[in-house]
Every structure is written in C-alpha cells, then in structure tokens.
Amino acid sequence: VAIFAMAIVLIFVGTLAQVDMDVWQ
C-alpha cells in the first residue's frame, strides 16, 4: 500500500511538472 501511494504521488507530481517541462524531460 505504501509503494502504491508513493507511485500515485509520483504520477501526480509528474503530471503537474509538465506545465514547465517537456513530456520526455
């Protein structure tokens, strides 16, 4: 459950980071 929760946070942060960065970056 902890790993899945961290994966969800990472996906959320990666999605938000696409505002300033390219998808591949």
mmCIF file of all heavy atoms, coordinates in Angstrom:
data_MODEL
# 
_entry.id   MODEL 
# 
loop_
_atom_site.group_PDB 
_atom_site.id 
_atom_site.type_symbol 
_atom_site.label_atom_id 
_atom_site.label_alt_id 
_atom_site.label_comp_id 
_atom_site.label_asym_id 
_atom_site.label_entity_id 
_atom_site.label_seq_id 
_atom_site.pdbx_PDB_ins_code 
_atom_site.Cartn_x 
_atom_site.Cartn_y 
_atom_site.Cartn_z 
_atom_site.occupancy 
_atom_site.B_iso_or_equiv 
_atom_site.pdbx_formal_charge 
_atom_site.auth_seq_id 
_atom_site.auth_comp_id 
_atom_site.auth_asym_id 
_atom_site.auth_atom_id 
_atom_site.pdbx_PDB_model_num 
ATOM 1   N N   . VAL A 1 1  ? 0.833  -1.202 0.000   1.00 0.00 ? 1  VAL A N   1 
ATOM 2   C CA  . VAL A 1 1  ? 0.000  0.000  0.000   1.00 0.00 ? 1  VAL A CA  1 
ATOM 3   C C   . VAL A 1 1  ? 0.871  1.256  0.000   1.00 0.00 ? 1  VAL A C   1 
ATOM 4   O O   . VAL A 1 1  ? 0.575  2.227  -0.710  1.00 0.00 ? 1  VAL A O   1 
ATOM 5   C CB  . VAL A 1 1  ? -0.973 -0.013 1.202   1.00 0.00 ? 1  VAL A CB  1 
ATOM 6   C CG1 . VAL A 1 1  ? -1.698 1.308  1.344   1.00 0.00 ? 1  VAL A CG1 1 
ATOM 7   C CG2 . VAL A 1 1  ? -1.960 -1.160 1.057   1.00 0.00 ? 1  VAL A CG2 1 
ATOM 8   N N   . ALA A 1 2  ? 1.959  1.252  0.756   1.00 0.00 ? 2  ALA A N   1 
ATOM 9   C CA  . ALA A 1 2  ? 2.856  2.412  0.794   1.00 0.00 ? 2  ALA A CA  1 
ATOM 10  C C   . ALA A 1 2  ? 3.501  2.651  -0.574  1.00 0.00 ? 2  ALA A C   1 
ATOM 11  O O   . ALA A 1 2  ? 3.609  3.803  -1.025  1.00 0.00 ? 2  ALA A O   1 
ATOM 12  C CB  . ALA A 1 2  ? 3.927  2.220  1.859   1.00 0.00 ? 2  ALA A CB  1 
ATOM 13  N N   . ILE A 1 3  ? 3.903  1.583  -1.248  1.00 0.00 ? 3  ILE A N   1 
ATOM 14  C CA  . ILE A 1 3  ? 4.503  1.719  -2.577  1.00 0.00 ? 3  ILE A CA  1 
ATOM 15  C C   . ILE A 1 3  ? 3.486  2.277  -3.560  1.00 0.00 ? 3  ILE A C   1 
ATOM 16  O O   . ILE A 1 3  ? 3.796  3.175  -4.360  1.00 0.00 ? 3  ILE A O   1 
ATOM 17  C CB  . ILE A 1 3  ? 5.068  0.366  -3.062  1.00 0.00 ? 3  ILE A CB  1 
ATOM 18  C CG1 . ILE A 1 3  ? 6.265  -0.040 -2.208  1.00 0.00 ? 3  ILE A CG1 1 
ATOM 19  C CG2 . ILE A 1 3  ? 5.459  0.429  -4.532  1.00 0.00 ? 3  ILE A CG2 1 
ATOM 20  C CD1 . ILE A 1 3  ? 6.716  -1.470 -2.425  1.00 0.00 ? 3  ILE A CD1 1 
ATOM 21  N N   . PHE A 1 4  ? 2.254  1.762  -3.526  1.00 0.00 ? 4  PHE A N   1 
ATOM 22  C CA  . PHE A 1 4  ? 1.213  2.273  -4.423  1.00 0.00 ? 4  PHE A CA  1 
ATOM 23  C C   . PHE A 1 4  ? 0.905  3.740  -4.141  1.00 0.00 ? 4  PHE A C   1 
ATOM 24  O O   . PHE A 1 4  ? 0.706  4.533  -5.065  1.00 0.00 ? 4  PHE A O   1 
ATOM 25  C CB  . PHE A 1 4  ? -0.059 1.438  -4.323  1.00 0.00 ? 4  PHE A CB  1 
ATOM 26  C CG  . PHE A 1 4  ? 0.002  0.154  -5.101  1.00 0.00 ? 4  PHE A CG  1 
ATOM 27  C CD1 . PHE A 1 4  ? -0.666 -0.960 -4.641  1.00 0.00 ? 4  PHE A CD1 1 
ATOM 28  C CD2 . PHE A 1 4  ? 0.701  0.061  -6.290  1.00 0.00 ? 4  PHE A CD2 1 
ATOM 29  C CE1 . PHE A 1 4  ? -0.617 -2.154 -5.347  1.00 0.00 ? 4  PHE A CE1 1 
ATOM 30  C CE2 . PHE A 1 4  ? 0.758  -1.114 -7.003  1.00 0.00 ? 4  PHE A CE2 1 
ATOM 31  C CZ  . PHE A 1 4  ? 0.097  -2.231 -6.536  1.00 0.00 ? 4  PHE A CZ  1 
ATOM 32  N N   . ALA A 1 5  ? 0.873  4.129  -2.870  1.00 0.00 ? 5  ALA A N   1 
ATOM 33  C CA  . ALA A 1 5  ? 0.607  5.523  -2.522  1.00 0.00 ? 5  ALA A CA  1 
ATOM 34  C C   . ALA A 1 5  ? 1.729  6.431  -3.037  1.00 0.00 ? 5  ALA A C   1 
ATOM 35  O O   . ALA A 1 5  ? 1.459  7.511  -3.584  1.00 0.00 ? 5  ALA A O   1 
ATOM 36  C CB  . ALA A 1 5  ? 0.451  5.664  -1.010  1.00 0.00 ? 5  ALA A CB  1 
ATOM 37  N N   . MET A 1 6  ? 2.980  5.992  -2.888  1.00 0.00 ? 6  MET A N   1 
ATOM 38  C CA  . MET A 1 6  ? 4.093  6.789  -3.398  1.00 0.00 ? 6  MET A CA  1 
ATOM 39  C C   . MET A 1 6  ? 4.059  6.866  -4.917  1.00 0.00 ? 6  MET A C   1 
ATOM 40  O O   . MET A 1 6  ? 4.411  7.910  -5.501  1.00 0.00 ? 6  MET A O   1 
ATOM 41  C CB  . MET A 1 6  ? 5.423  6.217  -2.912  1.00 0.00 ? 6  MET A CB  1 
ATOM 42  C CG  . MET A 1 6  ? 5.681  6.483  -1.451  1.00 0.00 ? 6  MET A CG  1 
ATOM 43  S SD  . MET A 1 6  ? 7.331  6.019  -0.909  1.00 0.00 ? 6  MET A SD  1 
ATOM 44  C CE  . MET A 1 6  ? 7.242  4.241  -0.952  1.00 0.00 ? 6  MET A CE  1 
ATOM 45  N N   . ALA A 1 7  ? 3.639  5.802  -5.580  1.00 0.00 ? 7  ALA A N   1 
ATOM 46  C CA  . ALA A 1 7  ? 3.524  5.824  -7.040  1.00 0.00 ? 7  ALA A CA  1 
ATOM 47  C C   . ALA A 1 7  ? 2.449  6.823  -7.478  1.00 0.00 ? 7  ALA A C   1 
ATOM 48  O O   . ALA A 1 7  ? 2.638  7.557  -8.463  1.00 0.00 ? 7  ALA A O   1 
ATOM 49  C CB  . ALA A 1 7  ? 3.207  4.431  -7.570  1.00 0.00 ? 7  ALA A CB  1 
ATOM 50  N N   . ILE A 1 8  ? 1.356  6.880  -6.754  1.00 0.00 ? 8  ILE A N   1 
ATOM 51  C CA  . ILE A 1 8  ? 0.295  7.836  -7.077  1.00 0.00 ? 8  ILE A CA  1 
ATOM 52  C C   . ILE A 1 8  ? 0.809  9.269  -6.905  1.00 0.00 ? 8  ILE A C   1 
ATOM 53  O O   . ILE A 1 8  ? 0.552  10.139 -7.748  1.00 0.00 ? 8  ILE A O   1 
ATOM 54  C CB  . ILE A 1 8  ? -0.955 7.577  -6.213  1.00 0.00 ? 8  ILE A CB  1 
ATOM 55  C CG1 . ILE A 1 8  ? -1.620 6.278  -6.656  1.00 0.00 ? 8  ILE A CG1 1 
ATOM 56  C CG2 . ILE A 1 8  ? -1.932 8.740  -6.288  1.00 0.00 ? 8  ILE A CG2 1 
ATOM 57  C CD1 . ILE A 1 8  ? -2.701 5.793  -5.721  1.00 0.00 ? 8  ILE A CD1 1 
ATOM 58  N N   . VAL A 1 9  ? 1.553  9.521  -5.836  1.00 0.00 ? 9  VAL A N   1 
ATOM 59  C CA  . VAL A 1 9  ? 2.124  10.856 -5.615  1.00 0.00 ? 9  VAL A CA  1 
ATOM 60  C C   . VAL A 1 9  ? 3.103  11.199 -6.735  1.00 0.00 ? 9  VAL A C   1 
ATOM 61  O O   . VAL A 1 9  ? 3.089  12.317 -7.266  1.00 0.00 ? 9  VAL A O   1 
ATOM 62  C CB  . VAL A 1 9  ? 2.802  10.939 -4.229  1.00 0.00 ? 9  VAL A CB  1 
ATOM 63  C CG1 . VAL A 1 9  ? 3.637  12.201 -4.094  1.00 0.00 ? 9  VAL A CG1 1 
ATOM 64  C CG2 . VAL A 1 9  ? 1.778  10.845 -3.125  1.00 0.00 ? 9  VAL A CG2 1 
ATOM 65  N N   . LEU A 1 10 ? 3.940  10.232 -7.137  1.00 0.00 ? 10 LEU A N   1 
ATOM 66  C CA  . LEU A 1 10 ? 4.904  10.482 -8.208  1.00 0.00 ? 10 LEU A CA  1 
ATOM 67  C C   . LEU A 1 10 ? 4.197  10.799 -9.526  1.00 0.00 ? 10 LEU A C   1 
ATOM 68  O O   . LEU A 1 10 ? 4.599  11.719 -10.256 1.00 0.00 ? 10 LEU A O   1 
ATOM 69  C CB  . LEU A 1 10 ? 5.828  9.275  -8.383  1.00 0.00 ? 10 LEU A CB  1 
ATOM 70  C CG  . LEU A 1 10 ? 6.921  9.431  -9.438  1.00 0.00 ? 10 LEU A CG  1 
ATOM 71  C CD1 . LEU A 1 10 ? 7.938  10.477 -8.998  1.00 0.00 ? 10 LEU A CD1 1 
ATOM 72  C CD2 . LEU A 1 10 ? 7.602  8.106  -9.699  1.00 0.00 ? 10 LEU A CD2 1 
ATOM 73  N N   . ILE A 1 11 ? 3.136  10.083 -9.836  1.00 0.00 ? 11 ILE A N   1 
ATOM 74  C CA  . ILE A 1 11 ? 2.377  10.347 -11.062 1.00 0.00 ? 11 ILE A CA  1 
ATOM 75  C C   . ILE A 1 11 ? 1.736  11.734 -10.999 1.00 0.00 ? 11 ILE A C   1 
ATOM 76  O O   . ILE A 1 11 ? 1.746  12.482 -11.985 1.00 0.00 ? 11 ILE A O   1 
ATOM 77  C CB  . ILE A 1 11 ? 1.329  9.245  -11.293 1.00 0.00 ? 11 ILE A CB  1 
ATOM 78  C CG1 . ILE A 1 11 ? 2.027  7.938  -11.635 1.00 0.00 ? 11 ILE A CG1 1 
ATOM 79  C CG2 . ILE A 1 11 ? 0.354  9.632  -12.393 1.00 0.00 ? 11 ILE A CG2 1 
ATOM 80  C CD1 . ILE A 1 11 ? 1.131  6.725  -11.586 1.00 0.00 ? 11 ILE A CD1 1 
ATOM 81  N N   . PHE A 1 12 ? 1.205  12.095 -9.856  1.00 0.00 ? 12 PHE A N   1 
ATOM 82  C CA  . PHE A 1 12 ? 0.603  13.421 -9.684  1.00 0.00 ? 12 PHE A CA  1 
ATOM 83  C C   . PHE A 1 12 ? 1.634  14.524 -9.874  1.00 0.00 ? 12 PHE A C   1 
ATOM 84  O O   . PHE A 1 12 ? 1.414  15.493 -10.595 1.00 0.00 ? 12 PHE A O   1 
ATOM 85  C CB  . PHE A 1 12 ? -0.059 13.514 -8.309  1.00 0.00 ? 12 PHE A CB  1 
ATOM 86  C CG  . PHE A 1 12 ? -0.685 14.842 -8.006  1.00 0.00 ? 12 PHE A CG  1 
ATOM 87  C CD1 . PHE A 1 12 ? -1.800 15.275 -8.704  1.00 0.00 ? 12 PHE A CD1 1 
ATOM 88  C CD2 . PHE A 1 12 ? -0.157 15.667 -7.029  1.00 0.00 ? 12 PHE A CD2 1 
ATOM 89  C CE1 . PHE A 1 12 ? -2.377 16.510 -8.437  1.00 0.00 ? 12 PHE A CE1 1 
ATOM 90  C CE2 . PHE A 1 12 ? -0.728 16.885 -6.746  1.00 0.00 ? 12 PHE A CE2 1 
ATOM 91  C CZ  . PHE A 1 12 ? -1.837 17.315 -7.459  1.00 0.00 ? 12 PHE A CZ  1 
ATOM 92  N N   . VAL A 1 13 ? 2.791  14.363 -9.239  1.00 0.00 ? 13 VAL A N   1 
ATOM 93  C CA  . VAL A 1 13 ? 3.851  15.366 -9.343  1.00 0.00 ? 13 VAL A CA  1 
ATOM 94  C C   . VAL A 1 13 ? 4.370  15.439 -10.779 1.00 0.00 ? 13 VAL A C   1 
ATOM 95  O O   . VAL A 1 13 ? 4.607  16.527 -11.310 1.00 0.00 ? 13 VAL A O   1 
ATOM 96  C CB  . VAL A 1 13 ? 4.988  15.044 -8.346  1.00 0.00 ? 13 VAL A CB  1 
ATOM 97  C CG1 . VAL A 1 13 ? 6.228  15.869 -8.627  1.00 0.00 ? 13 VAL A CG1 1 
ATOM 98  C CG2 . VAL A 1 13 ? 4.526  15.272 -6.925  1.00 0.00 ? 13 VAL A CG2 1 
ATOM 99  N N   . GLY A 1 14 ? 4.529  14.290 -11.414 1.00 0.00 ? 14 GLY A N   1 
ATOM 100 C CA  . GLY A 1 14 ? 4.979  14.285 -12.807 1.00 0.00 ? 14 GLY A CA  1 
ATOM 101 C C   . GLY A 1 14 ? 3.991  14.961 -13.737 1.00 0.00 ? 14 GLY A C   1 
ATOM 102 O O   . GLY A 1 14 ? 4.378  15.649 -14.690 1.00 0.00 ? 14 GLY A O   1 
ATOM 103 N N   . THR A 1 15 ? 2.712  14.783 -13.464 1.00 0.00 ? 15 THR A N   1 
ATOM 104 C CA  . THR A 1 15 ? 1.686  15.447 -14.269 1.00 0.00 ? 15 THR A CA  1 
ATOM 105 C C   . THR A 1 15 ? 1.746  16.957 -14.082 1.00 0.00 ? 15 THR A C   1 
ATOM 106 O O   . THR A 1 15 ? 1.668  17.720 -15.051 1.00 0.00 ? 15 THR A O   1 
ATOM 107 C CB  . THR A 1 15 ? 0.292  14.918 -13.885 1.00 0.00 ? 15 THR A CB  1 
ATOM 108 O OG1 . THR A 1 15 ? 0.273  13.505 -14.058 1.00 0.00 ? 15 THR A OG1 1 
ATOM 109 C CG2 . THR A 1 15 ? -0.782 15.544 -14.736 1.00 0.00 ? 15 THR A CG2 1 
ATOM 110 N N   . LEU A 1 16 ? 1.895  17.392 -12.840 1.00 0.00 ? 16 LEU A N   1 
ATOM 111 C CA  . LEU A 1 16 ? 1.993  18.834 -12.585 1.00 0.00 ? 16 LEU A CA  1 
ATOM 112 C C   . LEU A 1 16 ? 3.277  19.430 -13.161 1.00 0.00 ? 16 LEU A C   1 
ATOM 113 O O   . LEU A 1 16 ? 3.293  20.591 -13.581 1.00 0.00 ? 16 LEU A O   1 
ATOM 114 C CB  . LEU A 1 16 ? 1.933  19.114 -11.082 1.00 0.00 ? 16 LEU A CB  1 
ATOM 115 C CG  . LEU A 1 16 ? 0.583  18.901 -10.402 1.00 0.00 ? 16 LEU A CG  1 
ATOM 116 C CD1 . LEU A 1 16 ? 0.713  19.129 -8.899  1.00 0.00 ? 16 LEU A CD1 1 
ATOM 117 C CD2 . LEU A 1 16 ? -0.474 19.808 -10.992 1.00 0.00 ? 16 LEU A CD2 1 
ATOM 118 N N   . ALA A 1 17 ? 4.349  18.644 -13.205 1.00 0.00 ? 17 ALA A N   1 
ATOM 119 C CA  . ALA A 1 17 ? 5.622  19.151 -13.705 1.00 0.00 ? 17 ALA A CA  1 
ATOM 120 C C   . ALA A 1 17 ? 5.584  19.401 -15.208 1.00 0.00 ? 17 ALA A C   1 
ATOM 121 O O   . ALA A 1 17 ? 6.421  20.146 -15.735 1.00 0.00 ? 17 ALA A O   1 
ATOM 122 C CB  . ALA A 1 17 ? 6.742  18.176 -13.363 1.00 0.00 ? 17 ALA A CB  1 
ATOM 123 N N   . GLN A 1 18 ? 4.616  18.822 -15.898 1.00 0.00 ? 18 GLN A N   1 
ATOM 124 C CA  . GLN A 1 18 ? 4.530  19.019 -17.349 1.00 0.00 ? 18 GLN A CA  1 
ATOM 125 C C   . GLN A 1 18 ? 4.131  20.441 -17.729 1.00 0.00 ? 18 GLN A C   1 
ATOM 126 O O   . GLN A 1 18 ? 4.216  20.814 -18.892 1.00 0.00 ? 18 GLN A O   1 
ATOM 127 C CB  . GLN A 1 18 ? 3.555  18.014 -17.955 1.00 0.00 ? 18 GLN A CB  1 
ATOM 128 C CG  . GLN A 1 18 ? 4.086  16.607 -17.935 1.00 0.00 ? 18 GLN A CG  1 
ATOM 129 C CD  . GLN A 1 18 ? 3.122  15.625 -18.563 1.00 0.00 ? 18 GLN A CD  1 
ATOM 130 O OE1 . GLN A 1 18 ? 2.321  15.983 -19.400 1.00 0.00 ? 18 GLN A OE1 1 
ATOM 131 N NE2 . GLN A 1 18 ? 3.225  14.371 -18.143 1.00 0.00 ? 18 GLN A NE2 1 
ATOM 132 N N   . VAL A 1 19 ? 3.730  21.242 -16.769 1.00 0.00 ? 19 VAL A N   1 
ATOM 133 C CA  . VAL A 1 19 ? 3.440  22.653 -17.038 1.00 0.00 ? 19 VAL A CA  1 
ATOM 134 C C   . VAL A 1 19 ? 4.726  23.370 -17.447 1.00 0.00 ? 19 VAL A C   1 
ATOM 135 O O   . VAL A 1 19 ? 4.722  24.194 -18.365 1.00 0.00 ? 19 VAL A O   1 
ATOM 136 C CB  . VAL A 1 19 ? 2.817  23.323 -15.788 1.00 0.00 ? 19 VAL A CB  1 
ATOM 137 C CG1 . VAL A 1 19 ? 2.732  24.823 -15.956 1.00 0.00 ? 19 VAL A CG1 1 
ATOM 138 C CG2 . VAL A 1 19 ? 1.462  22.730 -15.493 1.00 0.00 ? 19 VAL A CG2 1 
ATOM 139 N N   . ASP A 1 20 ? 5.830  23.050 -16.792 1.00 0.00 ? 20 ASP A N   1 
ATOM 140 C CA  . ASP A 1 20 ? 7.099  23.734 -17.035 1.00 0.00 ? 20 ASP A CA  1 
ATOM 141 C C   . ASP A 1 20 ? 8.079  22.948 -17.899 1.00 0.00 ? 20 ASP A C   1 
ATOM 142 O O   . ASP A 1 20 ? 9.048  23.505 -18.387 1.00 0.00 ? 20 ASP A O   1 
ATOM 143 C CB  . ASP A 1 20 ? 7.782  24.054 -15.696 1.00 0.00 ? 20 ASP A CB  1 
ATOM 144 C CG  . ASP A 1 20 ? 6.943  24.966 -14.834 1.00 0.00 ? 20 ASP A CG  1 
ATOM 145 O OD1 . ASP A 1 20 ? 6.271  25.843 -15.398 1.00 0.00 ? 20 ASP A OD1 1 
ATOM 146 O OD2 . ASP A 1 20 ? 6.954  24.791 -13.599 1.00 0.00 ? 20 ASP A OD2 1 
ATOM 147 N N   . MET A 1 21 ? 7.864  21.638 -18.059 1.00 0.00 ? 21 MET A N   1 
ATOM 148 C CA  . MET A 1 21 ? 8.821  20.796 -18.777 1.00 0.00 ? 21 MET A CA  1 
ATOM 149 C C   . MET A 1 21 ? 8.142  20.046 -19.919 1.00 0.00 ? 21 MET A C   1 
ATOM 150 O O   . MET A 1 21 ? 6.927  19.891 -19.935 1.00 0.00 ? 21 MET A O   1 
ATOM 151 C CB  . MET A 1 21 ? 9.422  19.753 -17.833 1.00 0.00 ? 21 MET A CB  1 
ATOM 152 C CG  . MET A 1 21 ? 10.303 20.267 -16.770 1.00 0.00 ? 21 MET A CG  1 
ATOM 153 S SD  . MET A 1 21 ? 11.055 18.867 -15.928 1.00 0.00 ? 21 MET A SD  1 
ATOM 154 C CE  . MET A 1 21 ? 10.767 19.314 -14.246 1.00 0.00 ? 21 MET A CE  1 
ATOM 155 N N   . ASP A 1 22 ? 8.971  19.555 -20.824 1.00 0.00 ? 22 ASP A N   1 
ATOM 156 C CA  . ASP A 1 22 ? 8.508  18.709 -21.897 1.00 0.00 ? 22 ASP A CA  1 
ATOM 157 C C   . ASP A 1 22 ? 8.153  17.322 -21.338 1.00 0.00 ? 22 ASP A C   1 
ATOM 158 O O   . ASP A 1 22 ? 8.665  16.913 -20.291 1.00 0.00 ? 22 ASP A O   1 
ATOM 159 C CB  . ASP A 1 22 ? 9.630  18.587 -22.939 1.00 0.00 ? 22 ASP A CB  1 
ATOM 160 C CG  . ASP A 1 22 ? 9.225  17.773 -24.131 1.00 0.00 ? 22 ASP A CG  1 
ATOM 161 O OD1 . ASP A 1 22 ? 8.161  18.081 -24.718 1.00 0.00 ? 22 ASP A OD1 1 
ATOM 162 O OD2 . ASP A 1 22 ? 9.956  16.837 -24.490 1.00 0.00 ? 22 ASP A OD2 1 
ATOM 163 N N   . VAL A 1 23 ? 7.303  16.597 -22.030 1.00 0.00 ? 23 VAL A N   1 
ATOM 164 C CA  . VAL A 1 23 ? 6.874  15.277 -21.565 1.00 0.00 ? 23 VAL A CA  1 
ATOM 165 C C   . VAL A 1 23 ? 8.066  14.345 -21.390 1.00 0.00 ? 23 VAL A C   1 
ATOM 166 O O   . VAL A 1 23 ? 8.173  13.625 -20.383 1.00 0.00 ? 23 VAL A O   1 
ATOM 167 C CB  . VAL A 1 23 ? 5.863  14.655 -22.560 1.00 0.00 ? 23 VAL A CB  1 
ATOM 168 C CG1 . VAL A 1 23 ? 5.545  13.224 -22.185 1.00 0.00 ? 23 VAL A CG1 1 
ATOM 169 C CG2 . VAL A 1 23 ? 4.601  15.468 -22.620 1.00 0.00 ? 23 VAL A CG2 1 
ATOM 170 N N   . TRP A 1 24 ? 8.986  14.358 -22.343 1.00 0.00 ? 24 TRP A N   1 
ATOM 171 C CA  . TRP A 1 24 ? 10.128 13.442 -22.266 1.00 0.00 ? 24 TRP A CA  1 
ATOM 172 C C   . TRP A 1 24 ? 11.111 13.855 -21.188 1.00 0.00 ? 24 TRP A C   1 
ATOM 173 O O   . TRP A 1 24 ? 11.781 13.011 -20.596 1.00 0.00 ? 24 TRP A O   1 
ATOM 174 C CB  . TRP A 1 24 ? 10.800 13.342 -23.634 1.00 0.00 ? 24 TRP A CB  1 
ATOM 175 C CG  . TRP A 1 24 ? 9.848  12.768 -24.631 1.00 0.00 ? 24 TRP A CG  1 
ATOM 176 C CD1 . TRP A 1 24 ? 9.262  13.419 -25.672 1.00 0.00 ? 24 TRP A CD1 1 
ATOM 177 C CD2 . TRP A 1 24 ? 9.300  11.446 -24.620 1.00 0.00 ? 24 TRP A CD2 1 
ATOM 178 N NE1 . TRP A 1 24 ? 8.397  12.574 -26.324 1.00 0.00 ? 24 TRP A NE1 1 
ATOM 179 C CE2 . TRP A 1 24 ? 8.394  11.352 -25.699 1.00 0.00 ? 24 TRP A CE2 1 
ATOM 180 C CE3 . TRP A 1 24 ? 9.471  10.332 -23.818 1.00 0.00 ? 24 TRP A CE3 1 
ATOM 181 C CZ2 . TRP A 1 24 ? 7.693  10.206 -25.996 1.00 0.00 ? 24 TRP A CZ2 1 
ATOM 182 C CZ3 . TRP A 1 24 ? 8.764  9.182  -24.112 1.00 0.00 ? 24 TRP A CZ3 1 
ATOM 183 C CH2 . TRP A 1 24 ? 7.890  9.126  -25.184 1.00 0.00 ? 24 TRP A CH2 1 
ATOM 184 N N   . GLN A 1 25 ? 11.190 15.123 -20.921 1.00 0.00 ? 25 GLN A N   1 
ATOM 185 C CA  . GLN A 1 25 ? 12.033 15.601 -19.824 1.00 0.00 ? 25 GLN A CA  1 
ATOM 186 C C   . GLN A 1 25 ? 11.454 15.140 -18.480 1.00 0.00 ? 25 GLN A C   1 
ATOM 187 O O   . GLN A 1 25 ? 12.197 14.717 -17.593 1.00 0.00 ? 25 GLN A O   1 
ATOM 188 C CB  . GLN A 1 25 ? 12.119 17.124 -19.883 1.00 0.00 ? 25 GLN A CB  1 
ATOM 189 C CG  . GLN A 1 25 ? 13.170 17.723 -19.014 1.00 0.00 ? 25 GLN A CG  1 
ATOM 190 C CD  . GLN A 1 25 ? 13.226 19.235 -19.178 1.00 0.00 ? 25 GLN A CD  1 
ATOM 191 O OE1 . GLN A 1 25 ? 12.390 19.837 -19.843 1.00 0.00 ? 25 GLN A OE1 1 
ATOM 192 N NE2 . GLN A 1 25 ? 14.210 19.852 -18.554 1.00 0.00 ? 25 GLN A NE2 1 
# 
